[in-house]
mmCIF file of all heavy atoms, coordinates in Angstrom:
data_MODEL
# 
_entry.id   MODEL 
# 
loop_
_atom_site.group_PDB 
_atom_site.id 
_atom_site.type_symbol 
_atom_site.label_atom_id 
_atom_site.label_alt_id 
_atom_site.label_comp_id 
_atom_site.label_asym_id 
_atom_site.label_entity_id 
_atom_site.label_seq_id 
_atom_site.pdbx_PDB_ins_code 
_atom_site.Cartn_x 
_atom_site.Cartn_y 
_atom_site.Cartn_z 
_atom_site.occupancy 
_atom_site.B_iso_or_equiv 
_atom_site.pdbx_formal_charge 
_atom_site.auth_seq_id 
_atom_site.auth_comp_id 
_atom_site.auth_asym_id 
_atom_site.auth_atom_id 
_atom_site.pdbx_PDB_model_num 
ATOM 1   N N   . SER A 1 1  ? -0.166 17.505  12.971  1.00 0.00 ? 1  SER A N   1 
ATOM 2   C CA  . SER A 1 1  ? -1.374 17.305  12.213  1.00 0.00 ? 1  SER A CA  1 
ATOM 3   C C   . SER A 1 1  ? -1.141 16.891  10.808  1.00 0.00 ? 1  SER A C   1 
ATOM 4   O O   . SER A 1 1  ? -1.723 15.955  10.245  1.00 0.00 ? 1  SER A O   1 
ATOM 5   C CB  . SER A 1 1  ? -2.194 18.639  12.269  1.00 0.00 ? 1  SER A CB  1 
ATOM 6   O OG  . SER A 1 1  ? -3.444 18.483  11.546  1.00 0.00 ? 1  SER A OG  1 
ATOM 7   N N   . ALA A 1 2  ? -0.123 17.525  10.199  1.00 0.00 ? 2  ALA A N   1 
ATOM 8   C CA  . ALA A 1 2  ? 0.194  17.236  8.750   1.00 0.00 ? 2  ALA A CA  1 
ATOM 9   C C   . ALA A 1 2  ? 0.851  15.888  8.658   1.00 0.00 ? 2  ALA A C   1 
ATOM 10  O O   . ALA A 1 2  ? 0.457  15.048  7.718   1.00 0.00 ? 2  ALA A O   1 
ATOM 11  C CB  . ALA A 1 2  ? 1.223  18.300  8.309   1.00 0.00 ? 2  ALA A CB  1 
ATOM 12  N N   . VAL A 1 3  ? 1.634  15.427  9.570   1.00 0.00 ? 3  VAL A N   1 
ATOM 13  C CA  . VAL A 1 3  ? 2.283  14.087  9.443   1.00 0.00 ? 3  VAL A CA  1 
ATOM 14  C C   . VAL A 1 3  ? 1.190  13.025  9.734   1.00 0.00 ? 3  VAL A C   1 
ATOM 15  O O   . VAL A 1 3  ? 1.171  11.957  9.142   1.00 0.00 ? 3  VAL A O   1 
ATOM 16  C CB  . VAL A 1 3  ? 3.558  14.007  10.352  1.00 0.00 ? 3  VAL A CB  1 
ATOM 17  C CG1 . VAL A 1 3  ? 3.994  12.543  10.335  1.00 0.00 ? 3  VAL A CG1 1 
ATOM 18  C CG2 . VAL A 1 3  ? 4.609  14.981  9.924   1.00 0.00 ? 3  VAL A CG2 1 
ATOM 19  N N   . PHE A 1 4  ? 0.306  13.246  10.654  1.00 0.00 ? 4  PHE A N   1 
ATOM 20  C CA  . PHE A 1 4  ? -0.714 12.442  11.004  1.00 0.00 ? 4  PHE A CA  1 
ATOM 21  C C   . PHE A 1 4  ? -1.620 12.151  9.727   1.00 0.00 ? 4  PHE A C   1 
ATOM 22  O O   . PHE A 1 4  ? -2.027 11.128  9.409   1.00 0.00 ? 4  PHE A O   1 
ATOM 23  C CB  . PHE A 1 4  ? -1.624 12.901  12.213  1.00 0.00 ? 4  PHE A CB  1 
ATOM 24  C CG  . PHE A 1 4  ? -2.683 11.877  12.522  1.00 0.00 ? 4  PHE A CG  1 
ATOM 25  C CD1 . PHE A 1 4  ? -2.403 10.743  13.250  1.00 0.00 ? 4  PHE A CD1 1 
ATOM 26  C CD2 . PHE A 1 4  ? -4.021 12.230  12.241  1.00 0.00 ? 4  PHE A CD2 1 
ATOM 27  C CE1 . PHE A 1 4  ? -3.416 9.830   13.571  1.00 0.00 ? 4  PHE A CE1 1 
ATOM 28  C CE2 . PHE A 1 4  ? -5.035 11.372  12.534  1.00 0.00 ? 4  PHE A CE2 1 
ATOM 29  C CZ  . PHE A 1 4  ? -4.662 10.110  13.175  1.00 0.00 ? 4  PHE A CZ  1 
ATOM 30  N N   . ALA A 1 5  ? -1.938 13.260  9.052   1.00 0.00 ? 5  ALA A N   1 
ATOM 31  C CA  . ALA A 1 5  ? -2.753 13.211  7.901   1.00 0.00 ? 5  ALA A CA  1 
ATOM 32  C C   . ALA A 1 5  ? -1.965 12.438  6.811   1.00 0.00 ? 5  ALA A C   1 
ATOM 33  O O   . ALA A 1 5  ? -2.567 11.586  6.097   1.00 0.00 ? 5  ALA A O   1 
ATOM 34  C CB  . ALA A 1 5  ? -2.984 14.595  7.305   1.00 0.00 ? 5  ALA A CB  1 
ATOM 35  N N   . ALA A 1 6  ? -0.656 12.521  6.760   1.00 0.00 ? 6  ALA A N   1 
ATOM 36  C CA  . ALA A 1 6  ? 0.116  11.804  5.834   1.00 0.00 ? 6  ALA A CA  1 
ATOM 37  C C   . ALA A 1 6  ? 0.053  10.257  6.142   1.00 0.00 ? 6  ALA A C   1 
ATOM 38  O O   . ALA A 1 6  ? 0.095  9.469   5.299   1.00 0.00 ? 6  ALA A O   1 
ATOM 39  C CB  . ALA A 1 6  ? 1.604  12.275  5.842   1.00 0.00 ? 6  ALA A CB  1 
ATOM 40  N N   . THR A 1 7  ? 0.088  9.933   7.461   1.00 0.00 ? 7  THR A N   1 
ATOM 41  C CA  . THR A 1 7  ? 0.084  8.504   7.849   1.00 0.00 ? 7  THR A CA  1 
ATOM 42  C C   . THR A 1 7  ? -1.361 7.922   7.454   1.00 0.00 ? 7  THR A C   1 
ATOM 43  O O   . THR A 1 7  ? -1.390 6.789   7.052   1.00 0.00 ? 7  THR A O   1 
ATOM 44  C CB  . THR A 1 7  ? 0.306  8.274   9.343   1.00 0.00 ? 7  THR A CB  1 
ATOM 45  O OG1 . THR A 1 7  ? -0.716 9.018   10.087  1.00 0.00 ? 7  THR A OG1 1 
ATOM 46  C CG2 . THR A 1 7  ? 1.715  8.714   9.756   1.00 0.00 ? 7  THR A CG2 1 
ATOM 47  N N   . GLU A 1 8  ? -2.359 8.724   7.610   1.00 0.00 ? 8  GLU A N   1 
ATOM 48  C CA  . GLU A 1 8  ? -3.733 8.222   7.187   1.00 0.00 ? 8  GLU A CA  1 
ATOM 49  C C   . GLU A 1 8  ? -3.731 8.030   5.712   1.00 0.00 ? 8  GLU A C   1 
ATOM 50  O O   . GLU A 1 8  ? -4.367 6.956   5.209   1.00 0.00 ? 8  GLU A O   1 
ATOM 51  C CB  . GLU A 1 8  ? -4.808 9.211   7.670   1.00 0.00 ? 8  GLU A CB  1 
ATOM 52  C CG  . GLU A 1 8  ? -5.009 9.247   9.119   1.00 0.00 ? 8  GLU A CG  1 
ATOM 53  C CD  . GLU A 1 8  ? -6.165 10.090  9.525   1.00 0.00 ? 8  GLU A CD  1 
ATOM 54  O OE1 . GLU A 1 8  ? -6.305 11.211  8.956   1.00 0.00 ? 8  GLU A OE1 1 
ATOM 55  O OE2 . GLU A 1 8  ? -6.895 9.766   10.441  1.00 0.00 ? 8  GLU A OE2 1 
ATOM 56  N N   . ALA A 1 9  ? -3.267 8.973   5.004   1.00 0.00 ? 9  ALA A N   1 
ATOM 57  C CA  . ALA A 1 9  ? -3.223 8.870   3.526   1.00 0.00 ? 9  ALA A CA  1 
ATOM 58  C C   . ALA A 1 9  ? -2.446 7.637   3.007   1.00 0.00 ? 9  ALA A C   1 
ATOM 59  O O   . ALA A 1 9  ? -2.856 6.898   2.138   1.00 0.00 ? 9  ALA A O   1 
ATOM 60  C CB  . ALA A 1 9  ? -2.726 10.167  2.841   1.00 0.00 ? 9  ALA A CB  1 
ATOM 61  N N   . LEU A 1 10 ? -1.258 7.475   3.591   1.00 0.00 ? 10 LEU A N   1 
ATOM 62  C CA  . LEU A 1 10 ? -0.399 6.371   3.265   1.00 0.00 ? 10 LEU A CA  1 
ATOM 63  C C   . LEU A 1 10 ? -1.043 5.098   3.616   1.00 0.00 ? 10 LEU A C   1 
ATOM 64  O O   . LEU A 1 10 ? -0.969 4.058   2.855   1.00 0.00 ? 10 LEU A O   1 
ATOM 65  C CB  . LEU A 1 10 ? 1.047  6.510   3.959   1.00 0.00 ? 10 LEU A CB  1 
ATOM 66  C CG  . LEU A 1 10 ? 1.974  5.437   3.564   1.00 0.00 ? 10 LEU A CG  1 
ATOM 67  C CD1 . LEU A 1 10 ? 2.228  5.394   2.088   1.00 0.00 ? 10 LEU A CD1 1 
ATOM 68  C CD2 . LEU A 1 10 ? 3.281  5.698   4.316   1.00 0.00 ? 10 LEU A CD2 1 
ATOM 69  N N   . SER A 1 11 ? -1.737 5.033   4.741   1.00 0.00 ? 11 SER A N   1 
ATOM 70  C CA  . SER A 1 11 ? -2.423 3.812   5.157   1.00 0.00 ? 11 SER A CA  1 
ATOM 71  C C   . SER A 1 11 ? -3.481 3.394   4.169   1.00 0.00 ? 11 SER A C   1 
ATOM 72  O O   . SER A 1 11 ? -3.659 2.216   3.828   1.00 0.00 ? 11 SER A O   1 
ATOM 73  C CB  . SER A 1 11 ? -3.046 4.066   6.574   1.00 0.00 ? 11 SER A CB  1 
ATOM 74  O OG  . SER A 1 11 ? -3.764 2.913   6.989   1.00 0.00 ? 11 SER A OG  1 
ATOM 75  N N   . GLU A 1 12 ? -4.166 4.423   3.615   1.00 0.00 ? 12 GLU A N   1 
ATOM 76  C CA  . GLU A 1 12 ? -5.195 4.151   2.554   1.00 0.00 ? 12 GLU A CA  1 
ATOM 77  C C   . GLU A 1 12 ? -4.551 3.741   1.244   1.00 0.00 ? 12 GLU A C   1 
ATOM 78  O O   . GLU A 1 12 ? -5.236 3.112   0.408   1.00 0.00 ? 12 GLU A O   1 
ATOM 79  C CB  . GLU A 1 12 ? -6.008 5.441   2.375   1.00 0.00 ? 12 GLU A CB  1 
ATOM 80  C CG  . GLU A 1 12 ? -6.932 5.729   3.513   1.00 0.00 ? 12 GLU A CG  1 
ATOM 81  C CD  . GLU A 1 12 ? -7.718 6.982   3.356   1.00 0.00 ? 12 GLU A CD  1 
ATOM 82  O OE1 . GLU A 1 12 ? -7.706 7.541   2.253   1.00 0.00 ? 12 GLU A OE1 1 
ATOM 83  O OE2 . GLU A 1 12 ? -8.180 7.504   4.367   1.00 0.00 ? 12 GLU A OE2 1 
ATOM 84  N N   . ALA A 1 13 ? -3.257 3.987   1.043   1.00 0.00 ? 13 ALA A N   1 
ATOM 85  C CA  . ALA A 1 13 ? -2.640 3.578   -0.130  1.00 0.00 ? 13 ALA A CA  1 
ATOM 86  C C   . ALA A 1 13 ? -1.810 2.227   0.012   1.00 0.00 ? 13 ALA A C   1 
ATOM 87  O O   . ALA A 1 13 ? -0.877 1.934   -0.730  1.00 0.00 ? 13 ALA A O   1 
ATOM 88  C CB  . ALA A 1 13 ? -1.644 4.703   -0.589  1.00 0.00 ? 13 ALA A CB  1 
ATOM 89  N N   . ALA A 1 14 ? -2.258 1.453   1.021   1.00 0.00 ? 14 ALA A N   1 
ATOM 90  C CA  . ALA A 1 14 ? -1.589 0.184   1.191   1.00 0.00 ? 14 ALA A CA  1 
ATOM 91  C C   . ALA A 1 14 ? -1.651 -0.727  -0.023  1.00 0.00 ? 14 ALA A C   1 
ATOM 92  O O   . ALA A 1 14 ? -2.640 -0.705  -0.777  1.00 0.00 ? 14 ALA A O   1 
ATOM 93  C CB  . ALA A 1 14 ? -2.182 -0.488  2.477   1.00 0.00 ? 14 ALA A CB  1 
ATOM 94  N N   . PRO A 1 15 ? -0.698 -1.568  -0.237  1.00 0.00 ? 15 PRO A N   1 
ATOM 95  C CA  . PRO A 1 15 ? -0.746 -2.469  -1.428  1.00 0.00 ? 15 PRO A CA  1 
ATOM 96  C C   . PRO A 1 15 ? -1.808 -3.477  -1.316  1.00 0.00 ? 15 PRO A C   1 
ATOM 97  O O   . PRO A 1 15 ? -2.181 -3.846  -0.221  1.00 0.00 ? 15 PRO A O   1 
ATOM 98  C CB  . PRO A 1 15 ? 0.693  -3.118  -1.373  1.00 0.00 ? 15 PRO A CB  1 
ATOM 99  C CG  . PRO A 1 15 ? 1.285  -2.829  -0.019  1.00 0.00 ? 15 PRO A CG  1 
ATOM 100 C CD  . PRO A 1 15 ? 0.579  -1.703  0.564   1.00 0.00 ? 15 PRO A CD  1 
ATOM 101 N N   . ASN A 1 16 ? -2.363 -3.829  -2.422  1.00 0.00 ? 16 ASN A N   1 
ATOM 102 C CA  . ASN A 1 16 ? -3.346 -4.853  -2.524  1.00 0.00 ? 16 ASN A CA  1 
ATOM 103 C C   . ASN A 1 16 ? -2.768 -6.006  -3.328  1.00 0.00 ? 16 ASN A C   1 
ATOM 104 O O   . ASN A 1 16 ? -2.169 -5.817  -4.451  1.00 0.00 ? 16 ASN A O   1 
ATOM 105 C CB  . ASN A 1 16 ? -4.557 -4.229  -3.354  1.00 0.00 ? 16 ASN A CB  1 
ATOM 106 C CG  . ASN A 1 16 ? -5.749 -5.174  -3.307  1.00 0.00 ? 16 ASN A CG  1 
ATOM 107 O OD1 . ASN A 1 16 ? -5.653 -6.332  -3.633  1.00 0.00 ? 16 ASN A OD1 1 
ATOM 108 N ND2 . ASN A 1 16 ? -6.896 -4.546  -2.967  1.00 0.00 ? 16 ASN A ND2 1 
ATOM 109 N N   . ALA A 1 17 ? -2.993 -7.249  -2.803  1.00 0.00 ? 17 ALA A N   1 
ATOM 110 C CA  . ALA A 1 17 ? -2.432 -8.372  -3.484  1.00 0.00 ? 17 ALA A CA  1 
ATOM 111 C C   . ALA A 1 17 ? -2.743 -8.603  -4.940  1.00 0.00 ? 17 ALA A C   1 
ATOM 112 O O   . ALA A 1 17 ? -1.836 -9.028  -5.749  1.00 0.00 ? 17 ALA A O   1 
ATOM 113 C CB  . ALA A 1 17 ? -2.788 -9.674  -2.717  1.00 0.00 ? 17 ALA A CB  1 
ATOM 114 N N   . ARG A 1 18 ? -3.937 -8.153  -5.358  1.00 0.00 ? 18 ARG A N   1 
ATOM 115 C CA  . ARG A 1 18 ? -4.315 -8.306  -6.777  1.00 0.00 ? 18 ARG A CA  1 
ATOM 116 C C   . ARG A 1 18 ? -3.466 -7.499  -7.670  1.00 0.00 ? 18 ARG A C   1 
ATOM 117 O O   . ARG A 1 18 ? -3.509 -7.680  -8.981  1.00 0.00 ? 18 ARG A O   1 
ATOM 118 C CB  . ARG A 1 18 ? -5.821 -8.135  -6.975  1.00 0.00 ? 18 ARG A CB  1 
ATOM 119 C CG  . ARG A 1 18 ? -6.286 -6.735  -6.837  1.00 0.00 ? 18 ARG A CG  1 
ATOM 120 C CD  . ARG A 1 18 ? -7.793 -6.596  -7.120  1.00 0.00 ? 18 ARG A CD  1 
ATOM 121 N NE  . ARG A 1 18 ? -8.247 -5.262  -6.724  1.00 0.00 ? 18 ARG A NE  1 
ATOM 122 C CZ  . ARG A 1 18 ? -8.866 -4.920  -5.674  1.00 0.00 ? 18 ARG A CZ  1 
ATOM 123 N NH1 . ARG A 1 18 ? -9.306 -5.906  -4.842  1.00 0.00 ? 18 ARG A NH1 1 
ATOM 124 N NH2 . ARG A 1 18 ? -9.282 -3.691  -5.379  1.00 0.00 ? 18 ARG A NH2 1 
ATOM 125 N N   . ASP A 1 19 ? -2.836 -6.416  -7.230  1.00 0.00 ? 19 ASP A N   1 
ATOM 126 C CA  . ASP A 1 19 ? -1.977 -5.584  -8.023  1.00 0.00 ? 19 ASP A CA  1 
ATOM 127 C C   . ASP A 1 19 ? -0.523 -6.138  -8.153  1.00 0.00 ? 19 ASP A C   1 
ATOM 128 O O   . ASP A 1 19 ? 0.214  -5.641  -8.941  1.00 0.00 ? 19 ASP A O   1 
ATOM 129 C CB  . ASP A 1 19 ? -1.897 -4.188  -7.419  1.00 0.00 ? 19 ASP A CB  1 
ATOM 130 C CG  . ASP A 1 19 ? -3.272 -3.526  -7.316  1.00 0.00 ? 19 ASP A CG  1 
ATOM 131 O OD1 . ASP A 1 19 ? -4.057 -3.784  -8.279  1.00 0.00 ? 19 ASP A OD1 1 
ATOM 132 O OD2 . ASP A 1 19 ? -3.400 -2.829  -6.281  1.00 0.00 ? 19 ASP A OD2 1 
ATOM 133 N N   . TYR A 1 20 ? -0.323 -7.273  -7.497  1.00 0.00 ? 20 TYR A N   1 
ATOM 134 C CA  . TYR A 1 20 ? 1.108  -7.761  -7.466  1.00 0.00 ? 20 TYR A CA  1 
ATOM 135 C C   . TYR A 1 20 ? 1.283  -9.201  -7.895  1.00 0.00 ? 20 TYR A C   1 
ATOM 136 O O   . TYR A 1 20 ? 2.299  -9.571  -8.334  1.00 0.00 ? 20 TYR A O   1 
ATOM 137 C CB  . TYR A 1 20 ? 1.721  -7.556  -6.096  1.00 0.00 ? 20 TYR A CB  1 
ATOM 138 C CG  . TYR A 1 20 ? 1.939  -6.185  -5.709  1.00 0.00 ? 20 TYR A CG  1 
ATOM 139 C CD1 . TYR A 1 20 ? 0.922  -5.439  -5.050  1.00 0.00 ? 20 TYR A CD1 1 
ATOM 140 C CD2 . TYR A 1 20 ? 3.055  -5.518  -6.098  1.00 0.00 ? 20 TYR A CD2 1 
ATOM 141 C CE1 . TYR A 1 20 ? 1.080  -4.083  -4.771  1.00 0.00 ? 20 TYR A CE1 1 
ATOM 142 C CE2 . TYR A 1 20 ? 3.326  -4.102  -5.738  1.00 0.00 ? 20 TYR A CE2 1 
ATOM 143 C CZ  . TYR A 1 20 ? 2.144  -3.437  -5.135  1.00 0.00 ? 20 TYR A CZ  1 
ATOM 144 O OH  . TYR A 1 20 ? 2.389  -2.056  -4.837  1.00 0.00 ? 20 TYR A OH  1 
ATOM 145 N N   . TYR A 1 21 ? 0.169  -9.970  -7.892  1.00 0.00 ? 21 TYR A N   1 
ATOM 146 C CA  . TYR A 1 21 ? 0.329  -11.346 -8.154  1.00 0.00 ? 21 TYR A CA  1 
ATOM 147 C C   . TYR A 1 21 ? 0.985  -11.752 -9.577  1.00 0.00 ? 21 TYR A C   1 
ATOM 148 O O   . TYR A 1 21 ? 1.713  -12.763 -9.671  1.00 0.00 ? 21 TYR A O   1 
ATOM 149 C CB  . TYR A 1 21 ? -0.986 -12.214 -7.916  1.00 0.00 ? 21 TYR A CB  1 
ATOM 150 C CG  . TYR A 1 21 ? -2.130 -11.983 -8.961  1.00 0.00 ? 21 TYR A CG  1 
ATOM 151 C CD1 . TYR A 1 21 ? -2.017 -12.820 -10.078 1.00 0.00 ? 21 TYR A CD1 1 
ATOM 152 C CD2 . TYR A 1 21 ? -2.999 -11.101 -8.850  1.00 0.00 ? 21 TYR A CD2 1 
ATOM 153 C CE1 . TYR A 1 21 ? -3.001 -12.707 -11.072 1.00 0.00 ? 21 TYR A CE1 1 
ATOM 154 C CE2 . TYR A 1 21 ? -4.044 -10.915 -9.720  1.00 0.00 ? 21 TYR A CE2 1 
ATOM 155 C CZ  . TYR A 1 21 ? -4.063 -11.755 -10.872 1.00 0.00 ? 21 TYR A CZ  1 
ATOM 156 O OH  . TYR A 1 21 ? -4.995 -11.565 -11.803 1.00 0.00 ? 21 TYR A OH  1 
ATOM 157 N N   . PRO A 1 22 ? 0.725  -10.858 -10.585 1.00 0.00 ? 22 PRO A N   1 
ATOM 158 C CA  . PRO A 1 22 ? 1.403  -11.215 -11.890 1.00 0.00 ? 22 PRO A CA  1 
ATOM 159 C C   . PRO A 1 22 ? 2.857  -11.130 -11.842 1.00 0.00 ? 22 PRO A C   1 
ATOM 160 O O   . PRO A 1 22 ? 3.570  -11.693 -12.662 1.00 0.00 ? 22 PRO A O   1 
ATOM 161 C CB  . PRO A 1 22 ? 0.853  -10.110 -12.844 1.00 0.00 ? 22 PRO A CB  1 
ATOM 162 C CG  . PRO A 1 22 ? -0.459 -9.682  -12.237 1.00 0.00 ? 22 PRO A CG  1 
ATOM 163 C CD  . PRO A 1 22 ? -0.264 -9.749  -10.757 1.00 0.00 ? 22 PRO A CD  1 
ATOM 164 N N   . GLN A 1 23 ? 3.417  -10.467 -10.812 1.00 0.00 ? 23 GLN A N   1 
ATOM 165 C CA  . GLN A 1 23 ? 4.882  -10.353 -10.668 1.00 0.00 ? 23 GLN A CA  1 
ATOM 166 C C   . GLN A 1 23 ? 5.538  -11.563 -9.978  1.00 0.00 ? 23 GLN A C   1 
ATOM 167 O O   . GLN A 1 23 ? 6.783  -11.482 -9.878  1.00 0.00 ? 23 GLN A O   1 
ATOM 168 C CB  . GLN A 1 23 ? 5.197  -9.037  -9.894  1.00 0.00 ? 23 GLN A CB  1 
ATOM 169 C CG  . GLN A 1 23 ? 4.717  -7.795  -10.606 1.00 0.00 ? 23 GLN A CG  1 
ATOM 170 C CD  . GLN A 1 23 ? 4.940  -6.542  -9.807  1.00 0.00 ? 23 GLN A CD  1 
ATOM 171 O OE1 . GLN A 1 23 ? 5.894  -6.488  -9.078  1.00 0.00 ? 23 GLN A OE1 1 
ATOM 172 N NE2 . GLN A 1 23 ? 4.034  -5.614  -9.880  1.00 0.00 ? 23 GLN A NE2 1 
ATOM 173 N N   . GLY A 1 24 ? 4.758  -12.444 -9.466  1.00 0.00 ? 24 GLY A N   1 
ATOM 174 C CA  . GLY A 1 24 ? 5.299  -13.596 -8.833  1.00 0.00 ? 24 GLY A CA  1 
ATOM 175 C C   . GLY A 1 24 ? 4.964  -13.683 -7.395  1.00 0.00 ? 24 GLY A C   1 
ATOM 176 O O   . GLY A 1 24 ? 4.321  -12.816 -6.801  1.00 0.00 ? 24 GLY A O   1 
ATOM 177 N N   . ASP A 1 25 ? 5.351  -14.808 -6.767  1.00 0.00 ? 25 ASP A N   1 
ATOM 178 C CA  . ASP A 1 25 ? 4.928  -15.110 -5.306  1.00 0.00 ? 25 ASP A CA  1 
ATOM 179 C C   . ASP A 1 25 ? 5.329  -14.120 -4.247  1.00 0.00 ? 25 ASP A C   1 
ATOM 180 O O   . ASP A 1 25 ? 4.688  -13.914 -3.272  1.00 0.00 ? 25 ASP A O   1 
ATOM 181 C CB  . ASP A 1 25 ? 5.336  -16.517 -5.026  1.00 0.00 ? 25 ASP A CB  1 
ATOM 182 C CG  . ASP A 1 25 ? 4.649  -17.540 -5.842  1.00 0.00 ? 25 ASP A CG  1 
ATOM 183 O OD1 . ASP A 1 25 ? 3.593  -17.360 -6.418  1.00 0.00 ? 25 ASP A OD1 1 
ATOM 184 O OD2 . ASP A 1 25 ? 5.258  -18.751 -5.963  1.00 0.00 ? 25 ASP A OD2 1 
ATOM 185 N N   . ASP A 1 26 ? 6.537  -13.550 -4.405  1.00 0.00 ? 26 ASP A N   1 
ATOM 186 C CA  . ASP A 1 26 ? 7.102  -12.696 -3.454  1.00 0.00 ? 26 ASP A CA  1 
ATOM 187 C C   . ASP A 1 26 ? 6.818  -11.234 -3.590  1.00 0.00 ? 26 ASP A C   1 
ATOM 188 O O   . ASP A 1 26 ? 7.155  -10.484 -2.717  1.00 0.00 ? 26 ASP A O   1 
ATOM 189 C CB  . ASP A 1 26 ? 8.692  -12.915 -3.375  1.00 0.00 ? 26 ASP A CB  1 
ATOM 190 C CG  . ASP A 1 26 ? 9.030  -14.317 -2.933  1.00 0.00 ? 26 ASP A CG  1 
ATOM 191 O OD1 . ASP A 1 26 ? 8.226  -14.918 -2.217  1.00 0.00 ? 26 ASP A OD1 1 
ATOM 192 O OD2 . ASP A 1 26 ? 10.144 -14.744 -3.340  1.00 0.00 ? 26 ASP A OD2 1 
ATOM 193 N N   . ALA A 1 27 ? 6.172  -10.880 -4.714  1.00 0.00 ? 27 ALA A N   1 
ATOM 194 C CA  . ALA A 1 27 ? 5.998  -9.447  -5.030  1.00 0.00 ? 27 ALA A CA  1 
ATOM 195 C C   . ALA A 1 27 ? 5.134  -8.698  -3.973  1.00 0.00 ? 27 ALA A C   1 
ATOM 196 O O   . ALA A 1 27 ? 5.490  -7.618  -3.497  1.00 0.00 ? 27 ALA A O   1 
ATOM 197 C CB  . ALA A 1 27 ? 5.414  -9.274  -6.467  1.00 0.00 ? 27 ALA A CB  1 
ATOM 198 N N   . PHE A 1 28 ? 3.972  -9.320  -3.634  1.00 0.00 ? 28 PHE A N   1 
ATOM 199 C CA  . PHE A 1 28 ? 3.134  -8.667  -2.705  1.00 0.00 ? 28 PHE A CA  1 
ATOM 200 C C   . PHE A 1 28 ? 3.749  -8.573  -1.270  1.00 0.00 ? 28 PHE A C   1 
ATOM 201 O O   . PHE A 1 28 ? 3.729  -7.488  -0.719  1.00 0.00 ? 28 PHE A O   1 
ATOM 202 C CB  . PHE A 1 28 ? 1.814  -9.443  -2.549  1.00 0.00 ? 28 PHE A CB  1 
ATOM 203 C CG  . PHE A 1 28 ? 0.872  -8.827  -1.580  1.00 0.00 ? 28 PHE A CG  1 
ATOM 204 C CD1 . PHE A 1 28 ? 0.405  -7.556  -1.658  1.00 0.00 ? 28 PHE A CD1 1 
ATOM 205 C CD2 . PHE A 1 28 ? 0.391  -9.560  -0.445  1.00 0.00 ? 28 PHE A CD2 1 
ATOM 206 C CE1 . PHE A 1 28 ? -0.487 -6.986  -0.728  1.00 0.00 ? 28 PHE A CE1 1 
ATOM 207 C CE2 . PHE A 1 28 ? -0.473 -9.055  0.475   1.00 0.00 ? 28 PHE A CE2 1 
ATOM 208 C CZ  . PHE A 1 28 ? -0.947 -7.735  0.250   1.00 0.00 ? 28 PHE A CZ  1 
# 
C-alpha cells in the first residue's frame, strides 16, 4: 500500500517540458 501510494505521488510529480526548455533541447 505504501509503495503503491509512492508510485502515485511520483507519477503526479512527472516532469513538465515548460520547466526544462530554458536548459536546452535535451533537458526535458
